[in-house]
Amino acid sequence: MKTKFVHMLVLCLALMIQGRRTEAQDINFSQFYDLPILRNPAIAGLFDGDFRLTSGYRNQWQSVTVPYRTIALGAEIKKPVSFQSGDFITFGLQLTSDQAGDSKLSRTQVFPFLNYHKSLSSDKSTYLSAAFMGGPVMQRFDPTKLQFDDQYLGGSYNATNPTRQSFTNTSLTYWDPACGLSLSGESGENTNYYIGLGLFHFTKPRVSFQPQNDFRLNPKYVLNGGFTTRTSDYDKLTVYADVFKQGGAAQAQGGAMLKHDLVQTDDEMAVSITGGLFYRWNDAIIPVIKLDYYRVSVGATYDINVSKLVPASMYRGGLELTMAYRAFSPKRLGEDAYRVRCPKF
């Protein structure tokens, strides 16, 4: 298993070094911290527990145009490689589906992933992780929902008017991979941290519907970071940040949340309320509220648009909701549950 980890690490580093500029962009959630696999597959598994389900729903630009709707579902399962080494793996599946615009352009992604966490210290609190993710992406659009210039006669549009526009293909399936590295650990008794580097679309998949076109997806480089620290027996401060570079575009997002425990239990479960504020550079201010009820958490954000689209949007961006569930395996409750230790985000 150690040899396999070294091979994964070397391959991921080699892939991150290469890459050429091409075309396109990716899904992004405002509550990116609750959908970690979309940020970087190498930060999957950085939670307290053995199993986690995550989900997200986003409805954007309804005040401006046909809304962009996105749904995401993820599952993470953690398993120890051996109790002697302290290594463990995280594997699972990330699903996303989005629809945008008048043409009902939709994209569905099915991404299994594997993340190997290599223990770097005897107390098993510091890990170097290497991950791969990839699978099919299905795209399609509905040309009957579009209007073309030659369907306007005498200044009036009629859907029954013929058009010279023809589409030989309205659906497309391509394969899309990603890889990532992360370092996670503890600093003192109350602080946990991680930093990650990810690379998406390193094969530059072709995403054009028509065979005569060669539009491709840009390789995307991602830098992730976060830390959490106890400020009192009942309060915890958490900070997250991401920086993306894809083709000629770059984006940064980040913010902080303060969590207050209303009820605490001995098994690391609690009833808590969280509030915070995030900012996506030159795009949106994002207030967030979150409720943790033992194993279940529910979060809500609303994008306050501050981009150049403000005259049309009137500061209205999009509503986003998330829900997550995490638990320990019944076989590993008690002392064995702490054999797989990692930052508790």
Foldseek 3Di string as FASTA:
>chain_A
DVVVQVVLVVVQVVLVVDFDAFDDDDDDDQVCVQVVVVQAVQCPPQAQAFKKKKKKWKWWDPLFAHTKIKIKIWIWGKDAPDLVQLKIKIWIWIWMWIFDDQFRKIKIAIKTKMKIWGQDDPVSFKTKIKMKMKDKMKIFTHCLSDFDPQQQDPNRHDSPRDDPDDAPFGMDMDMWMKMKIKIWGADPDFKIKMKMKMKIRSVFDADDGDPVDGGTFFIKIKIWIKMKGDPDPFKIKIKIKMWMDTRPDIKIKIWMKMKGFPADDPQRFTWIKMWIWMDIPQFFIKTKIKTGDGFKIKIKIFTQTRHPCCVSCVRGTMIMIMMMGHHHDPVQPDPNSCSNHTNHD
